[in-house]
Amino acid sequence: MDPERGVILRCSWLRDIPLPFAADTLARVRLGPHSFSVTAVEWTEETFASLAKGPATTRADLTFRSPVFFTANGRRTVTPDQRLILGSYRRRWNEALGEESPYRIEDDVWMATQRAVELHAFDLRTVKRDGGHGHDVSGFVGTVTLRVTADEAKETFGTLLRFARYSGTGARTTYGFGATTVTFPRDHDG
């Protein structure tokens, strides 16, 4: 919720088929029990190929705009672990691509990438948000800086971080958790 502009809804469509509706003609959107007037639509299209072929990078600043948490073995985790952060991007990236896609991030590349990425800095706080049916869910919001320490990981790192704004971070992104924006500092290679 932005007090100046109202509710800002960011959506991603990760399929190679057209949207099932005309986004630029939406007049109202229903979110849970609330209905909102649509005052503006901004549309950006990117292909998996363009995300994969973008510049390599050694650093990225992530801003988590809605609570981020992870689930593993039936438990929620509210820890800014770089493996969990990047792992959520890789999982969605590969899920959205077919098995035969040349852009899939295979296990050997993934292992090398996650070993080469470190959590460089963070400024986070824990917040609670309604997770549905009146149950609060804890997650973190704020900023994280990730850094790559090995040249062979820079391209995959860049691909995953360019994808982050579309996939969101962590669990329950389809419910509005994990909204993420990414900026690449001046040391952005390419």
C-alpha atoms as a PDB file:
ATOM      1  CA  MET A   1       0.000   0.000   0.000  1.00  0.00           C
ATOM      2  CA  ASP A   2       1.430   3.348  -1.055  1.00  0.00           C
ATOM      3  CA  PRO A   3      -0.301   6.272   0.711  1.00  0.00           C
ATOM      4  CA  GLU A   4       0.292   8.537  -2.314  1.00  0.00           C
ATOM      5  CA  ARG A   5      -0.815   6.113  -5.013  1.00  0.00           C
ATOM      6  CA  GLY A   6      -2.997   3.527  -3.247  1.00  0.00           C
ATOM      7  CA  VAL A   7      -2.424  -0.178  -3.706  1.00  0.00           C
ATOM      8  CA  ILE A   8       0.347  -1.109  -6.127  1.00  0.00           C
ATOM      9  CA  LEU A   9      -0.130  -4.579  -7.583  1.00  0.00           C
ATOM     10  CA  ARG A  10       2.800  -6.216  -9.342  1.00  0.00           C
ATOM     11  CA  CYS A  11       2.103  -9.385 -11.311  1.00  0.00           C
ATOM     12  CA  SER A  12       4.239 -11.698 -13.404  1.00  0.00           C
ATOM     13  CA  TRP A  13       3.168 -14.114 -16.095  1.00  0.00           C
ATOM     14  CA  LEU A  14       5.859 -16.737 -16.576  1.00  0.00           C
ATOM     15  CA  ARG A  15       4.490 -18.632 -19.547  1.00  0.00           C
ATOM     16  CA  ASP A  16       5.087 -18.494 -23.282  1.00  0.00           C
ATOM     17  CA  ILE A  17       1.349 -18.236 -23.933  1.00  0.00           C
ATOM     18  CA  PRO A  18      -0.596 -14.955 -24.003  1.00  0.00           C
ATOM     19  CA  LEU A  19      -2.285 -13.612 -20.888  1.00  0.00           C
ATOM     20  CA  PRO A  20      -5.836 -14.915 -20.505  1.00  0.00           C
ATOM     21  CA  PHE A  21      -7.109 -11.311 -20.283  1.00  0.00           C
ATOM     22  CA  ALA A  22      -6.234  -7.881 -21.671  1.00  0.00           C
ATOM     23  CA  ALA A  23      -4.284  -6.234 -18.844  1.00  0.00           C
ATOM     24  CA  ASP A  24      -4.605  -2.732 -20.296  1.00  0.00           C
ATOM     25  CA  THR A  25      -8.430  -2.932 -20.239  1.00  0.00           C
ATOM     26  CA  LEU A  26      -8.858  -3.892 -16.577  1.00  0.00           C
ATOM     27  CA  ALA A  27     -11.167  -1.506 -14.764  1.00  0.00           C
ATOM     28  CA  ARG A  28     -11.358  -3.296 -11.392  1.00  0.00           C
ATOM     29  CA  VAL A  29      -9.349  -5.943  -9.555  1.00  0.00           C
ATOM     30  CA  ARG A  30     -10.530  -8.036  -6.643  1.00  0.00           C
ATOM     31  CA  LEU A  31      -7.928  -8.950  -4.009  1.00  0.00           C
ATOM     32  CA  GLY A  32      -9.452 -11.174  -1.378  1.00  0.00           C
ATOM     33  CA  PRO A  33     -12.560  -9.464   0.006  1.00  0.00           C
ATOM     34  CA  HIS A  34     -11.598  -6.056  -1.436  1.00  0.00           C
ATOM     35  CA  SER A  35     -12.278  -4.602  -4.866  1.00  0.00           C
ATOM     36  CA  PHE A  36     -10.054  -1.849  -6.301  1.00  0.00           C
ATOM     37  CA  SER A  37     -10.308   0.505  -9.264  1.00  0.00           C
ATOM     38  CA  VAL A  38      -7.414   0.209 -11.683  1.00  0.00           C
ATOM     39  CA  THR A  39      -6.050   3.684 -12.402  1.00  0.00           C
ATOM     40  CA  ALA A  40      -2.956   2.734 -14.409  1.00  0.00           C
ATOM     41  CA  VAL A  41      -1.255  -0.300 -15.916  1.00  0.00           C
ATOM     42  CA  GLU A  42       2.459  -0.471 -16.665  1.00  0.00           C
ATOM     43  CA  TRP A  43       3.449  -3.335 -18.913  1.00  0.00           C
ATOM     44  CA  THR A  44       6.913  -4.821 -19.396  1.00  0.00           C
ATOM     45  CA  GLU A  45       7.749  -7.888 -21.443  1.00  0.00           C
ATOM     46  CA  GLU A  46      10.973  -9.839 -21.198  1.00  0.00           C
ATOM     47  CA  THR A  47      11.838 -13.251 -22.505  1.00  0.00           C
ATOM     48  CA  PHE A  48      13.776 -15.900 -20.657  1.00  0.00           C
ATOM     49  CA  ALA A  49      16.405 -15.544 -23.386  1.00  0.00           C
ATOM     50  CA  SER A  50      16.885 -11.825 -22.687  1.00  0.00           C
ATOM     51  CA  LEU A  51      17.122 -12.463 -18.934  1.00  0.00           C
ATOM     52  CA  ALA A  52      19.662 -15.249 -19.492  1.00  0.00           C
ATOM     53  CA  LYS A  53      21.768 -13.270 -21.947  1.00  0.00           C
ATOM     54  CA  GLY A  54      22.000 -10.095 -19.897  1.00  0.00           C
ATOM     55  CA  PRO A  55      25.297  -8.928 -18.438  1.00  0.00           C
ATOM     56  CA  ALA A  56      27.230 -10.872 -15.837  1.00  0.00           C
ATOM     57  CA  THR A  57      27.451  -9.198 -12.457  1.00  0.00           C
ATOM     58  CA  THR A  58      29.395  -9.449  -9.220  1.00  0.00           C
ATOM     59  CA  ARG A  59      26.949  -7.688  -6.884  1.00  0.00           C
ATOM     60  CA  ALA A  60      23.266  -6.955  -6.475  1.00  0.00           C
ATOM     61  CA  ASP A  61      21.139  -5.088  -3.955  1.00  0.00           C
ATOM     62  CA  LEU A  62      17.777  -6.724  -3.280  1.00  0.00           C
ATOM     63  CA  THR A  63      14.892  -4.878  -1.666  1.00  0.00           C
ATOM     64  CA  PHE A  64      12.192  -7.058  -0.146  1.00  0.00           C
ATOM     65  CA  ARG A  65       9.016  -4.978  -0.266  1.00  0.00           C
ATOM     66  CA  SER A  66       6.678  -7.520   1.314  1.00  0.00           C
ATOM     67  CA  PRO A  67       7.531 -10.176   3.905  1.00  0.00           C
ATOM     68  CA  VAL A  68       9.880 -12.972   2.840  1.00  0.00           C
ATOM     69  CA  PHE A  69       9.974 -16.380   4.462  1.00  0.00           C
ATOM     70  CA  PHE A  70      10.943 -19.857   3.332  1.00  0.00           C
ATOM     71  CA  THR A  71       9.436 -23.265   3.991  1.00  0.00           C
ATOM     72  CA  ALA A  72      11.366 -26.482   4.360  1.00  0.00           C
ATOM     73  CA  ASN A  73      10.236 -29.774   5.883  1.00  0.00           C
ATOM     74  CA  GLY A  74       6.925 -28.216   6.921  1.00  0.00           C
ATOM     75  CA  ARG A  75       8.573 -25.416   8.888  1.00  0.00           C
ATOM     76  CA  ARG A  76       8.771 -21.696   8.193  1.00  0.00           C
ATOM     77  CA  THR A  77      12.210 -20.106   8.154  1.00  0.00           C
ATOM     78  CA  VAL A  78      12.732 -16.357   8.505  1.00  0.00           C
ATOM     79  CA  THR A  79      16.461 -16.267   7.751  1.00  0.00           C
ATOM     80  CA  PRO A  80      18.170 -14.221   5.019  1.00  0.00           C
ATOM     81  CA  ASP A  81      20.244 -17.134   3.734  1.00  0.00           C
ATOM     82  CA  GLN A  82      21.699 -16.534   0.265  1.00  0.00           C
ATOM     83  CA  ARG A  83      21.186 -20.206  -0.681  1.00  0.00           C
ATOM     84  CA  LEU A  84      17.481 -19.999   0.146  1.00  0.00           C
ATOM     85  CA  ILE A  85      17.094 -16.642  -1.622  1.00  0.00           C
ATOM     86  CA  LEU A  86      18.821 -17.741  -4.839  1.00  0.00           C
ATOM     87  CA  GLY A  87      17.319 -21.222  -4.594  1.00  0.00           C
ATOM     88  CA  SER A  88      13.806 -19.792  -4.772  1.00  0.00           C
ATOM     89  CA  TYR A  89      14.732 -18.009  -8.026  1.00  0.00           C
ATOM     90  CA  ARG A  90      16.390 -21.059  -9.570  1.00  0.00           C
ATOM     91  CA  ARG A  91      13.436 -23.309  -8.686  1.00  0.00           C
ATOM     92  CA  ARG A  92      10.906 -20.965 -10.324  1.00  0.00           C
ATOM     93  CA  TRP A  93      13.207 -20.312 -13.299  1.00  0.00           C
ATOM     94  CA  ASN A  94      13.523 -24.012 -14.066  1.00  0.00           C
ATOM     95  CA  GLU A  95       9.825 -24.703 -13.366  1.00  0.00           C
ATOM     96  CA  ALA A  96       8.806 -22.081 -15.916  1.00  0.00           C
ATOM     97  CA  LEU A  97      11.076 -23.552 -18.610  1.00  0.00           C
ATOM     98  CA  GLY A  98      10.646 -26.879 -20.356  1.00  0.00           C
ATOM     99  CA  GLU A  99      13.018 -29.760 -19.670  1.00  0.00           C
ATOM    100  CA  GLU A 100      14.666 -29.213 -23.047  1.00  0.00           C
ATOM    101  CA  SER A 101      15.275 -25.465 -22.648  1.00  0.00           C
ATOM    102  CA  PRO A 102      18.864 -24.346 -23.190  1.00  0.00           C
ATOM    103  CA  TYR A 103      18.311 -21.757 -20.441  1.00  0.00           C
ATOM    104  CA  ARG A 104      17.729 -24.230 -17.604  1.00  0.00           C
ATOM    105  CA  ILE A 105      20.181 -23.926 -14.736  1.00  0.00           C
ATOM    106  CA  GLU A 106      21.462 -27.451 -14.255  1.00  0.00           C
ATOM    107  CA  ASP A 107      22.628 -28.892 -10.951  1.00  0.00           C
ATOM    108  CA  ASP A 108      26.381 -28.577 -11.576  1.00  0.00           C
ATOM    109  CA  VAL A 109      26.080 -24.895 -12.548  1.00  0.00           C
ATOM    110  CA  TRP A 110      23.757 -24.299  -9.594  1.00  0.00           C
ATOM    111  CA  MET A 111      26.180 -25.900  -7.105  1.00  0.00           C
ATOM    112  CA  ALA A 112      29.075 -23.751  -8.360  1.00  0.00           C
ATOM    113  CA  THR A 113      26.920 -20.618  -8.236  1.00  0.00           C
ATOM    114  CA  GLN A 114      25.612 -21.090  -4.718  1.00  0.00           C
ATOM    115  CA  ARG A 115      29.126 -21.816  -3.436  1.00  0.00           C
ATOM    116  CA  ALA A 116      30.332 -18.548  -4.984  1.00  0.00           C
ATOM    117  CA  VAL A 117      27.627 -16.221  -3.603  1.00  0.00           C
ATOM    118  CA  GLU A 118      27.854 -14.596  -0.203  1.00  0.00           C
ATOM    119  CA  LEU A 119      25.585 -12.384   1.839  1.00  0.00           C
ATOM    120  CA  HIS A 120      27.631  -9.187   1.884  1.00  0.00           C
ATOM    121  CA  ALA A 121      25.343  -6.863   3.880  1.00  0.00           C
ATOM    122  CA  PHE A 122      21.757  -6.562   5.060  1.00  0.00           C
ATOM    123  CA  ASP A 123      19.358  -4.155   6.724  1.00  0.00           C
ATOM    124  CA  LEU A 124      16.277  -6.206   7.555  1.00  0.00           C
ATOM    125  CA  ARG A 125      13.470  -6.258  10.057  1.00  0.00           C
ATOM    126  CA  THR A 126      10.852  -8.846  10.891  1.00  0.00           C
ATOM    127  CA  VAL A 127       7.223  -7.994  10.191  1.00  0.00           C
ATOM    128  CA  LYS A 128       3.935  -9.861  10.408  1.00  0.00           C
ATOM    129  CA  ARG A 129       1.273  -9.941   7.739  1.00  0.00           C
ATOM    130  CA  ASP A 130      -2.054 -11.685   7.462  1.00  0.00           C
ATOM    131  CA  GLY A 131      -1.406 -14.959   5.700  1.00  0.00           C
ATOM    132  CA  GLY A 132      -5.090 -15.687   5.275  1.00  0.00           C
ATOM    133  CA  HIS A 133      -7.875 -16.847   7.541  1.00  0.00           C
ATOM    134  CA  GLY A 134      -6.692 -14.471  10.262  1.00  0.00           C
ATOM    135  CA  HIS A 135      -3.307 -16.143  10.750  1.00  0.00           C
ATOM    136  CA  ASP A 136      -0.307 -13.848  10.859  1.00  0.00           C
ATOM    137  CA  VAL A 137       2.852 -14.916   9.049  1.00  0.00           C
ATOM    138  CA  SER A 138       6.270 -13.512   9.982  1.00  0.00           C
ATOM    139  CA  GLY A 139       8.794 -12.547   7.346  1.00  0.00           C
ATOM    140  CA  PHE A 140      11.599 -10.110   6.744  1.00  0.00           C
ATOM    141  CA  VAL A 141      11.579  -6.888   4.726  1.00  0.00           C
ATOM    142  CA  GLY A 142      14.423  -4.520   3.901  1.00  0.00           C
ATOM    143  CA  THR A 143      17.590  -4.805   1.850  1.00  0.00           C
ATOM    144  CA  VAL A 144      20.271  -7.395   1.220  1.00  0.00           C
ATOM    145  CA  THR A 145      23.465  -7.138  -0.801  1.00  0.00           C
ATOM    146  CA  LEU A 146      24.704 -10.342  -2.425  1.00  0.00           C
ATOM    147  CA  ARG A 147      28.181 -10.679  -3.899  1.00  0.00           C
ATOM    148  CA  VAL A 148      29.844 -13.269  -6.155  1.00  0.00           C
ATOM    149  CA  THR A 149      33.372 -14.413  -5.364  1.00  0.00           C
ATOM    150  CA  ALA A 150      34.077 -16.557  -8.476  1.00  0.00           C
ATOM    151  CA  ASP A 151      34.091 -15.512 -12.129  1.00  0.00           C
ATOM    152  CA  GLU A 152      32.348 -18.686 -13.342  1.00  0.00           C
ATOM    153  CA  ALA A 153      29.233 -17.798 -11.312  1.00  0.00           C
ATOM    154  CA  LYS A 154      28.719 -14.202 -12.513  1.00  0.00           C
ATOM    155  CA  GLU A 155      26.493 -15.020 -15.489  1.00  0.00           C
ATOM    156  CA  THR A 156      24.137 -17.365 -13.640  1.00  0.00           C
ATOM    157  CA  PHE A 157      24.027 -14.946 -10.701  1.00  0.00           C
ATOM    158  CA  GLY A 158      23.060 -12.105 -13.065  1.00  0.00           C
ATOM    159  CA  THR A 159      20.366 -14.239 -14.708  1.00  0.00           C
ATOM    160  CA  LEU A 160      18.781 -15.204 -11.395  1.00  0.00           C
ATOM    161  CA  LEU A 161      18.832 -11.648 -10.053  1.00  0.00           C
ATOM    162  CA  ARG A 162      17.268 -10.215 -13.235  1.00  0.00           C
ATOM    163  CA  PHE A 163      14.539 -12.854 -12.826  1.00  0.00           C
ATOM    164  CA  ALA A 164      13.941 -12.036  -9.117  1.00  0.00           C
ATOM    165  CA  ARG A 165      11.641  -9.097  -9.820  1.00  0.00           C
ATOM    166  CA  TYR A 166       9.327 -11.407 -11.745  1.00  0.00           C
ATOM    167  CA  SER A 167       9.441 -14.442  -9.490  1.00  0.00           C
ATOM    168  CA  GLY A 168       9.513 -12.875  -6.034  1.00  0.00           C
ATOM    169  CA  THR A 169      11.500 -14.355  -3.160  1.00  0.00           C
ATOM    170  CA  GLY A 170      10.657 -17.225  -0.853  1.00  0.00           C
ATOM    171  CA  ALA A 171       7.321 -18.868  -0.139  1.00  0.00           C
ATOM    172  CA  ARG A 172       3.758 -17.827  -1.007  1.00  0.00           C
ATOM    173  CA  THR A 173       4.698 -15.254  -3.636  1.00  0.00           C
ATOM    174  CA  THR A 174       1.346 -15.836  -5.342  1.00  0.00           C
ATOM    175  CA  TYR A 175      -0.233 -14.477  -2.146  1.00  0.00           C
ATOM    176  CA  GLY A 176       1.799 -11.259  -2.218  1.00  0.00           C
ATOM    177  CA  PHE A 177       4.723 -12.356  -0.065  1.00  0.00           C
ATOM    178  CA  GLY A 178       8.293 -11.816  -1.228  1.00  0.00           C
ATOM    179  CA  ALA A 179       7.819  -8.859  -3.621  1.00  0.00           C
ATOM    180  CA  THR A 180      11.390  -8.055  -4.655  1.00  0.00           C
ATOM    181  CA  THR A 181      13.198  -5.359  -6.606  1.00  0.00           C
ATOM    182  CA  VAL A 182      16.850  -5.555  -7.583  1.00  0.00           C
ATOM    183  CA  THR A 183      19.434  -2.908  -8.393  1.00  0.00           C
ATOM    184  CA  PHE A 184      22.876  -3.561  -9.722  1.00  0.00           C
ATOM    185  CA  PRO A 185      25.533  -1.241  -8.258  1.00  0.00           C
ATOM    186  CA  ARG A 186      28.171   0.441 -10.372  1.00  0.00           C
ATOM    187  CA  ASP A 187      30.385  -2.618 -10.374  1.00  0.00           C
ATOM    188  CA  HIS A 188      27.818  -4.308 -12.634  1.00  0.00           C
ATOM    189  CA  ASP A 189      29.923  -6.028 -15.291  1.00  0.00           C
ATOM    190  CA  GLY A 190      29.121  -5.801 -18.981  1.00  0.00           C
END
